[in-house]
Amino acid sequence: MSTQILNAYAEVFAALDKKELQDGEFKGWLCLTPKLKDKLELLADAGLTTGSYDFNKGGKPFSSANLSQLKPAHFESNIRFHVELTAQEIKSDYAICSEWNELLANELRVKSPVKYIYFTKAMTLLTPESEDEKYVNYLNVHKAYEFVKDLAESTEGGDSTIFYERPLNFEFVLKESDLTHSIDLDALKKLLNKDLHKEAITCLMCRELVSFLKDNTLRNRFSYLIQHMDSLVSNVLLSYQSYVENYTFDKVRKEYLEKRTEYVSKIHGVFDNIATKLLSLPAGIWFATTQMKEIEIGGLETMAFAKNVSVIATVSVLAVLLIFNLFGQFSTISTMSKEYRGVFDALAKTYEDEALEIGKARSDIESAQTQVEIKLYVAIVATLSLVGLTIWMFCKAYN
């Protein structure tokens, strides 16, 4: 229906003779034909003309008539009707106006472009089949509005105010010259639709947009955005790339530091787990040595001798079990070593830029492993020494 109305308007407007713009209407003279009559009836139904006109005959005022009253005699060449056409009508499905600037001053039609347009100044009809560059770009203007609207809503600023450190307001009006710039927001839309870092991306875009437009006046702000959209997209993508690189660095650093802490704790835990057992040996030996009795020479068959032998056997068995336990911890440490070496080799290969720091974290674990191994060797030597001390006391019991 919009196409039919605009086609009718264009045909009547082109046929209108001596037309003048007065009080928001084009007024002129028209020689009617059955075809033009049908067009006027369509325009009258759309509210674009009155449907009742004065007419002249032979150049002199003659009478007036409604479209429904017209007869074939009214179509004679010497009869001319004085016709009025609405000069501007901007609706949701079509628009009639003088030029682009008049249409683009209407915020509603910038937010939601109208697809059928007739410009009276250029007598141009634009439809979805048109390939006019400005028209094609105009149909994409709403994408820029929706981009701003999404960011504004995310900061609770309605559809026209972005809050980031300061409010950034918009009036969605443009000029004809803005339509020479194409609008491509696919890259930014893809970023906004990412599930990962969604909040950070929104914040980053708000920051870039505020920084980009804050020095422009309210009425020129949206126009400047359309004109320099490519620059904004580049700034946002560069900022996002920088954010991802910093995020990756922090994530990697956190990962290998956590692994370092985890393995150092595990390795020290190996010795801590047997610390209580190590303390039981000197306590047991002290108690055992208090039970030893001095024996006269030749008293090998006495109860005192039997007690001393029992003490030696008990201490020896305790020491052997403890030493076996200590040597068993080396196997545990060896298993952990293979595990953390594999983990840190994989990290260093995946994040080559952080290989040096990952190597330092691995060295910390190896240092902890060396310390624990030294403690285990010292514990083994101490155990053997205490056993030797007990044997020495056993021998002294016969003096």
Protein backbone atom coordinates (compact mmCIF):
# COMPACT_ATOMS: atom_id res chain seq x y z
CA MET A 1 0.00 0.00 0.00
CA SER A 2 2.88 2.39 0.79
CA THR A 3 4.27 1.90 -2.71
CA GLN A 4 0.89 2.64 -4.29
CA ILE A 5 0.42 5.81 -2.24
CA LEU A 6 3.89 7.16 -3.07
CA ASN A 7 3.56 6.23 -6.75
CA ALA A 8 0.26 8.06 -6.85
CA TYR A 9 1.73 11.09 -5.08
CA ALA A 10 4.74 11.14 -7.42
CA GLU A 11 2.54 10.97 -10.51
CA VAL A 12 0.15 13.69 -9.34
CA PHE A 13 3.00 15.87 -8.11
CA ALA A 14 4.77 15.61 -11.46
CA ALA A 15 1.55 16.52 -13.34
CA LEU A 16 0.79 19.50 -11.09
CA ASP A 17 1.33 22.77 -12.97
CA LYS A 18 2.43 26.07 -11.45
CA LYS A 19 2.77 24.48 -8.03
CA GLU A 20 3.64 26.61 -5.04
CA LEU A 21 4.36 25.70 -1.43
CA GLN A 22 1.95 27.48 0.92
CA ASP A 23 1.10 26.66 4.53
CA GLY A 24 2.58 23.17 4.36
CA GLU A 25 0.83 22.28 1.09
CA PHE A 26 1.76 22.22 -2.58
CA LYS A 27 -0.93 24.05 -4.56
CA GLY A 28 -1.21 23.97 -8.34
CA TRP A 29 -3.36 23.34 -11.38
CA LEU A 30 -4.13 19.96 -12.83
CA CYS A 31 -5.90 18.74 -15.95
CA LEU A 32 -7.64 15.58 -14.78
CA THR A 33 -7.76 12.23 -16.50
CA PRO A 34 -9.49 9.07 -15.28
CA LYS A 35 -6.09 7.76 -14.21
CA LEU A 36 -5.23 10.93 -12.25
CA LYS A 37 -8.68 10.86 -10.70
CA ASP A 38 -7.96 7.35 -9.33
CA LYS A 39 -4.63 8.55 -7.99
CA LEU A 40 -6.26 11.49 -6.23
CA GLU A 41 -8.88 9.21 -4.67
CA LEU A 42 -6.06 7.05 -3.25
CA LEU A 43 -4.29 10.16 -1.90
CA ALA A 44 -7.54 11.47 -0.41
CA ASP A 45 -8.06 8.17 1.43
CA ALA A 46 -4.52 8.55 2.81
CA GLY A 47 -5.27 12.11 3.94
CA LEU A 48 -2.78 13.69 1.51
CA THR A 49 -5.33 15.77 -0.38
CA THR A 50 -8.82 17.09 0.33
CA GLY A 51 -10.72 15.33 -2.45
CA SER A 52 -12.73 18.48 -3.19
CA TYR A 53 -11.40 21.08 -5.64
CA ASP A 54 -12.27 24.33 -7.37
CA PHE A 55 -11.84 24.25 -11.12
CA ASN A 56 -11.61 26.69 -14.04
CA LYS A 57 -13.03 26.32 -17.45
CA GLY A 58 -11.40 28.17 -20.30
CA GLY A 59 -9.20 30.00 -17.80
CA LYS A 60 -12.09 31.35 -15.78
CA PRO A 61 -13.40 30.21 -12.39
CA PHE A 62 -16.27 27.86 -13.01
CA SER A 63 -17.26 25.69 -10.03
CA SER A 64 -16.05 23.10 -7.53
CA ALA A 65 -16.49 19.35 -7.30
CA ASN A 66 -15.72 16.31 -5.20
CA LEU A 67 -13.85 13.43 -6.76
CA SER A 68 -16.94 11.26 -6.39
CA GLN A 69 -18.97 13.79 -8.44
CA LEU A 70 -16.66 13.91 -11.45
CA LYS A 71 -18.04 12.99 -14.85
CA PRO A 72 -16.32 12.47 -18.22
CA ALA A 73 -17.02 16.13 -19.03
CA HIS A 74 -14.65 17.16 -16.24
CA PHE A 75 -11.77 15.52 -18.10
CA GLU A 76 -11.85 17.98 -21.01
CA SER A 77 -8.57 19.72 -21.77
CA ASN A 78 -9.94 23.23 -21.09
CA ILE A 79 -10.85 22.34 -17.47
CA ARG A 80 -8.17 22.71 -14.79
CA PHE A 81 -8.57 21.79 -11.13
CA HIS A 82 -6.87 23.62 -8.29
CA VAL A 83 -5.31 20.77 -6.28
CA GLU A 84 -3.60 20.84 -2.86
CA LEU A 85 -1.12 18.14 -1.78
CA THR A 86 0.31 17.75 1.71
CA ALA A 87 3.98 18.77 1.50
CA GLN A 88 5.25 16.66 4.41
CA GLU A 89 3.94 13.39 5.80
CA ILE A 90 6.26 11.16 7.78
CA LYS A 91 4.73 7.91 8.96
CA SER A 92 6.03 4.55 10.09
CA ASP A 93 5.63 2.96 6.64
CA TYR A 94 6.35 5.85 4.28
CA ALA A 95 7.58 9.42 4.20
CA ILE A 96 6.98 12.44 1.99
CA CYS A 97 9.31 15.38 2.57
CA SER A 98 11.43 17.87 0.72
CA GLU A 99 14.89 16.30 1.22
CA TRP A 100 17.07 14.08 3.42
CA ASN A 101 17.74 16.73 6.08
CA GLU A 102 14.02 17.07 6.76
CA LEU A 103 13.65 13.32 7.26
CA LEU A 104 16.82 12.94 9.32
CA ALA A 105 15.71 15.67 11.74
CA ASN A 106 12.98 13.26 12.85
CA GLU A 107 14.47 11.14 15.69
CA LEU A 108 11.83 8.46 15.38
CA ARG A 109 12.64 7.85 11.72
CA VAL A 110 16.36 7.68 12.52
CA LYS A 111 15.75 5.08 15.21
CA SER A 112 13.35 3.16 12.97
CA PRO A 113 13.99 3.94 9.27
CA VAL A 114 11.09 4.20 6.87
CA LYS A 115 11.52 2.13 3.71
CA TYR A 116 9.36 4.10 1.27
CA ILE A 117 10.39 7.73 0.72
CA TYR A 118 9.47 10.46 -1.73
CA PHE A 119 11.52 13.66 -1.91
CA THR A 120 9.57 16.52 -3.46
CA LYS A 121 12.61 18.68 -4.10
CA ALA A 122 14.36 16.12 -6.26
CA MET A 123 11.11 14.37 -7.24
CA THR A 124 12.76 11.08 -6.27
CA LEU A 125 11.00 7.92 -5.10
CA LEU A 126 13.03 5.47 -2.98
CA THR A 127 11.93 1.90 -2.26
CA PRO A 128 13.69 -1.24 -0.93
CA GLU A 129 14.67 -2.05 -4.52
CA SER A 130 16.59 1.22 -4.82
CA GLU A 131 20.39 1.08 -4.93
CA ASP A 132 20.96 4.70 -3.97
CA GLU A 133 24.02 4.85 -1.66
CA LYS A 134 22.50 7.31 0.80
CA TYR A 135 19.29 5.32 0.96
CA VAL A 136 21.16 2.05 1.63
CA ASN A 137 23.22 3.71 4.37
CA TYR A 138 20.08 5.28 5.85
CA LEU A 139 18.48 1.87 6.26
CA ASN A 140 21.51 0.83 8.35
CA VAL A 141 21.46 3.88 10.63
CA HIS A 142 19.24 2.05 13.12
CA LYS A 143 22.14 -0.36 13.81
CA ALA A 144 24.17 2.52 15.25
CA TYR A 145 21.18 3.58 17.34
CA GLU A 146 20.66 0.04 18.65
CA PHE A 147 24.36 -0.18 19.52
CA VAL A 148 24.14 3.01 21.59
CA LYS A 149 20.82 1.87 23.06
CA ASP A 150 22.27 -1.49 24.21
CA LEU A 151 25.18 0.23 25.95
CA ALA A 152 22.88 2.85 27.49
CA GLU A 153 20.54 0.20 28.86
CA SER A 154 23.46 -1.74 30.30
CA THR A 155 24.37 1.37 32.32
CA GLU A 156 20.72 2.02 33.23
CA GLY A 157 20.59 5.18 31.13
CA GLY A 158 17.44 4.46 29.15
CA ASP A 159 18.05 4.39 25.41
CA SER A 160 19.95 7.65 25.02
CA THR A 161 22.34 8.11 27.97
CA ILE A 162 25.52 6.14 28.63
CA PHE A 163 26.96 6.38 32.13
CA TYR A 164 30.69 5.86 32.37
CA GLU A 165 32.44 8.19 34.83
CA ARG A 166 30.10 10.85 33.41
CA PRO A 167 26.75 10.83 31.54
CA LEU A 168 26.95 10.88 27.74
CA ASN A 169 23.61 11.93 26.20
CA PHE A 170 22.49 11.51 22.59
CA GLU A 171 20.02 13.14 20.23
CA PHE A 172 19.46 10.80 17.33
CA VAL A 173 19.42 13.30 14.48
CA LEU A 174 21.61 13.37 11.38
CA LYS A 175 22.47 15.40 8.29
CA GLU A 176 22.39 14.31 4.66
CA SER A 177 26.20 14.35 4.49
CA ASP A 178 26.32 11.65 7.19
CA LEU A 179 24.71 9.20 4.79
CA THR A 180 27.82 9.12 2.61
CA HIS A 181 29.40 6.95 5.32
CA SER A 182 28.61 3.25 5.41
CA ILE A 183 27.83 1.59 8.73
CA ASP A 184 29.41 -1.73 9.65
CA LEU A 185 29.02 -2.80 13.27
CA ASP A 186 29.31 -6.57 12.79
CA ALA A 187 32.64 -6.74 14.65
CA LEU A 188 31.23 -4.91 17.68
CA LYS A 189 28.05 -6.99 17.64
CA LYS A 190 30.12 -10.17 17.73
CA LEU A 191 32.03 -8.82 20.72
CA LEU A 192 28.82 -7.92 22.57
CA ASN A 193 27.41 -11.39 21.92
CA LYS A 194 30.39 -13.16 23.49
CA ASP A 195 29.53 -15.03 26.69
CA LEU A 196 33.12 -14.75 27.96
CA HIS A 197 34.15 -11.36 29.39
CA LYS A 198 30.68 -9.95 28.53
CA GLU A 199 30.62 -7.42 31.38
CA ALA A 200 34.21 -6.35 30.72
CA ILE A 201 33.49 -5.90 26.98
CA THR A 202 30.46 -3.72 27.70
CA CYS A 203 32.48 -1.58 30.10
CA LEU A 204 35.31 -1.31 27.58
CA MET A 205 32.91 -0.15 24.82
CA CYS A 206 31.31 2.43 27.11
CA ARG A 207 34.72 3.78 28.00
CA GLU A 208 35.79 4.03 24.35
CA LEU A 209 32.50 5.64 23.28
CA VAL A 210 32.60 8.26 26.05
CA SER A 211 36.23 9.06 25.28
CA PHE A 212 35.45 9.23 21.56
CA LEU A 213 32.41 11.53 21.73
CA LYS A 214 32.68 13.58 24.93
CA ASP A 215 34.05 16.68 23.16
CA ASN A 216 31.15 16.88 20.67
CA THR A 217 27.95 18.83 21.27
CA LEU A 218 24.79 16.94 22.11
CA ARG A 219 23.15 17.48 18.70
CA ASN A 220 26.29 16.61 16.72
CA ARG A 221 27.29 13.58 18.79
CA PHE A 222 25.40 10.91 16.87
CA SER A 223 26.38 12.50 13.56
CA TYR A 224 30.06 12.38 14.54
CA LEU A 225 29.68 8.72 15.51
CA ILE A 226 28.27 7.85 12.08
CA GLN A 227 31.03 9.77 10.30
CA HIS A 228 33.86 8.15 12.29
CA MET A 229 32.42 4.70 12.95
CA ASP A 230 35.47 2.92 11.50
CA SER A 231 37.77 4.71 13.92
CA LEU A 232 35.60 3.75 16.88
CA VAL A 233 35.51 0.10 15.80
CA SER A 234 39.30 0.06 15.47
CA ASN A 235 39.74 1.61 18.93
CA VAL A 236 37.40 -0.91 20.53
CA LEU A 237 39.06 -3.89 18.86
CA LEU A 238 42.53 -2.70 19.90
CA SER A 239 41.37 -2.16 23.47
CA TYR A 240 39.77 -5.59 23.54
CA GLN A 241 42.93 -7.22 22.20
CA SER A 242 44.96 -5.49 24.92
CA TYR A 243 42.44 -6.61 27.54
CA VAL A 244 42.58 -10.23 26.38
CA GLU A 245 46.39 -10.21 26.42
CA ASN A 246 46.43 -8.83 29.97
CA TYR A 247 43.71 -11.25 31.02
CA THR A 248 45.65 -14.19 29.56
CA PHE A 249 48.84 -13.06 31.30
CA ASP A 250 47.08 -12.77 34.67
CA LYS A 251 45.37 -16.10 34.16
CA VAL A 252 48.64 -17.87 33.27
CA ARG A 253 50.52 -16.25 36.14
CA LYS A 254 47.79 -17.22 38.55
CA GLU A 255 47.81 -20.78 37.23
CA TYR A 256 51.53 -21.45 37.55
CA LEU A 257 51.78 -19.67 40.90
CA GLU A 258 48.93 -21.80 42.22
CA LYS A 259 50.66 -24.92 40.92
CA ARG A 260 53.91 -23.85 42.55
CA THR A 261 52.19 -23.33 45.90
CA GLU A 262 50.34 -26.63 45.56
CA TYR A 263 53.42 -28.74 44.83
CA VAL A 264 55.68 -27.01 47.37
CA SER A 265 53.01 -27.68 49.99
CA LYS A 266 52.70 -31.32 48.93
CA ILE A 267 56.45 -31.90 49.01
CA HIS A 268 56.90 -30.35 52.45
CA GLY A 269 53.90 -32.36 53.55
CA VAL A 270 55.82 -35.55 52.81
CA PHE A 271 58.25 -34.83 55.66
CA ASP A 272 55.60 -33.30 57.92
CA ASN A 273 53.55 -36.49 57.72
CA ILE A 274 56.37 -38.57 59.32
CA ALA A 275 57.59 -35.91 61.75
CA THR A 276 55.57 -37.43 64.61
CA LYS A 277 57.04 -40.86 63.87
CA LEU A 278 60.56 -39.43 63.96
CA LEU A 279 59.89 -37.92 67.40
CA SER A 280 58.76 -41.31 68.68
CA LEU A 281 62.22 -42.84 68.10
CA PRO A 282 64.31 -40.78 70.58
CA ALA A 283 61.48 -40.99 73.11
CA GLY A 284 61.35 -44.77 72.71
CA ILE A 285 65.10 -45.15 72.93
CA TRP A 286 65.23 -42.99 76.05
CA PHE A 287 62.61 -45.14 77.66
CA ALA A 288 64.33 -48.35 76.54
CA THR A 289 67.73 -47.30 77.85
CA THR A 290 66.24 -46.60 81.26
CA GLN A 291 65.24 -50.26 81.36
CA MET A 292 68.76 -51.52 80.75
CA LYS A 293 70.51 -53.11 83.75
CA GLU A 294 74.20 -53.41 84.42
CA ILE A 295 75.18 -57.12 84.23
CA GLU A 296 78.01 -58.89 85.96
CA ILE A 297 80.39 -60.85 83.77
CA GLY A 298 79.08 -64.34 83.39
CA GLY A 299 75.48 -63.26 83.98
CA LEU A 300 74.30 -63.96 80.46
CA GLU A 301 71.55 -66.22 81.67
CA THR A 302 70.04 -63.73 84.06
CA MET A 303 66.74 -61.88 83.65
CA ALA A 304 68.63 -58.58 83.34
CA PHE A 305 70.44 -59.88 80.26
CA ALA A 306 67.16 -60.98 78.71
CA LYS A 307 65.68 -57.52 79.30
CA ASN A 308 68.65 -55.83 77.69
CA VAL A 309 68.41 -58.08 74.63
CA SER A 310 64.68 -57.30 74.37
CA VAL A 311 65.45 -53.58 74.49
CA ILE A 312 68.03 -53.94 71.70
CA ALA A 313 65.60 -55.95 69.57
CA THR A 314 62.76 -53.50 70.12
CA VAL A 315 64.86 -50.48 69.25
CA SER A 316 66.32 -52.22 66.20
CA VAL A 317 62.88 -53.21 64.87
CA LEU A 318 61.57 -49.68 65.49
CA ALA A 319 64.54 -48.18 63.69
CA VAL A 320 64.25 -50.54 60.70
CA LEU A 321 60.55 -49.79 60.28
CA LEU A 322 61.21 -46.06 60.53
CA ILE A 323 64.04 -46.23 57.99
CA PHE A 324 61.82 -48.20 55.58
CA ASN A 325 59.19 -45.49 56.02
CA LEU A 326 61.73 -42.76 55.34
CA PHE A 327 63.02 -44.48 52.20
CA GLY A 328 59.40 -44.89 51.07
CA GLN A 329 59.00 -41.11 51.09
CA PHE A 330 61.61 -40.85 48.34
CA SER A 331 59.26 -42.78 46.04
CA THR A 332 56.45 -40.35 46.90
CA ILE A 333 58.67 -37.39 46.11
CA SER A 334 59.81 -39.00 42.85
CA THR A 335 56.18 -39.45 41.75
CA MET A 336 55.39 -35.82 42.60
CA SER A 337 58.50 -34.73 40.71
CA LYS A 338 57.36 -36.45 37.51
CA GLU A 339 53.93 -34.93 37.94
CA TYR A 340 54.98 -31.31 38.41
CA ARG A 341 57.67 -31.50 35.74
CA GLY A 342 55.01 -32.61 33.23
CA VAL A 343 52.64 -29.83 34.33
CA PHE A 344 55.25 -27.07 34.10
CA ASP A 345 56.68 -28.36 30.80
CA ALA A 346 53.16 -28.14 29.34
CA LEU A 347 52.67 -24.61 30.72
CA ALA A 348 56.01 -23.44 29.33
CA LYS A 349 55.21 -24.87 25.91
CA THR A 350 51.70 -23.34 25.81
CA TYR A 351 52.74 -19.89 27.09
CA GLU A 352 56.19 -19.34 25.64
CA ASP A 353 56.24 -15.67 26.60
CA GLU A 354 56.02 -16.68 30.26
CA ALA A 355 58.52 -19.54 30.01
CA LEU A 356 61.12 -17.73 32.12
CA GLU A 357 58.75 -17.04 35.02
CA ILE A 358 57.31 -20.55 34.78
CA GLY A 359 60.88 -21.86 35.00
CA LYS A 360 61.45 -19.84 38.18
CA ALA A 361 58.32 -21.31 39.75
CA ARG A 362 59.52 -24.78 38.82
CA SER A 363 62.93 -24.03 40.42
CA ASP A 364 61.13 -23.12 43.66
CA ILE A 365 59.51 -26.55 43.69
CA GLU A 366 62.80 -28.28 42.93
CA SER A 367 64.43 -26.35 45.78
CA ALA A 368 61.68 -27.50 48.15
CA GLN A 369 62.21 -31.09 46.93
CA THR A 370 65.95 -30.87 47.64
CA GLN A 371 65.31 -29.52 51.16
CA VAL A 372 62.91 -32.34 51.98
CA GLU A 373 65.28 -34.99 50.60
CA ILE A 374 68.09 -33.60 52.79
CA LYS A 375 65.77 -33.75 55.82
CA LEU A 376 64.98 -37.40 55.04
CA TYR A 377 68.67 -38.32 54.75
CA VAL A 378 69.40 -36.52 58.02
CA ALA A 379 66.52 -38.40 59.66
CA ILE A 380 67.92 -41.75 58.43
CA VAL A 381 71.41 -40.91 59.72
CA ALA A 382 69.95 -39.77 63.06
CA THR A 383 67.97 -43.02 63.37
CA LEU A 384 71.05 -45.15 62.70
CA SER A 385 73.03 -43.04 65.18
CA LEU A 386 70.45 -43.58 67.90
CA VAL A 387 70.46 -47.32 67.24
CA GLY A 388 74.25 -47.28 67.47
CA LEU A 389 73.97 -45.35 70.75
CA THR A 390 71.65 -48.00 72.13
CA ILE A 391 74.04 -50.83 71.13
CA TRP A 392 76.90 -48.93 72.74
CA MET A 393 74.91 -48.68 75.99
CA PHE A 394 74.11 -52.39 75.77
CA CYS A 395 77.81 -53.16 75.57
CA LYS A 396 78.59 -50.80 78.44
CA ALA A 397 76.13 -52.73 80.60
CA TYR A 398 78.72 -55.58 80.83
CA ASN A 399 81.58 -53.49 82.16
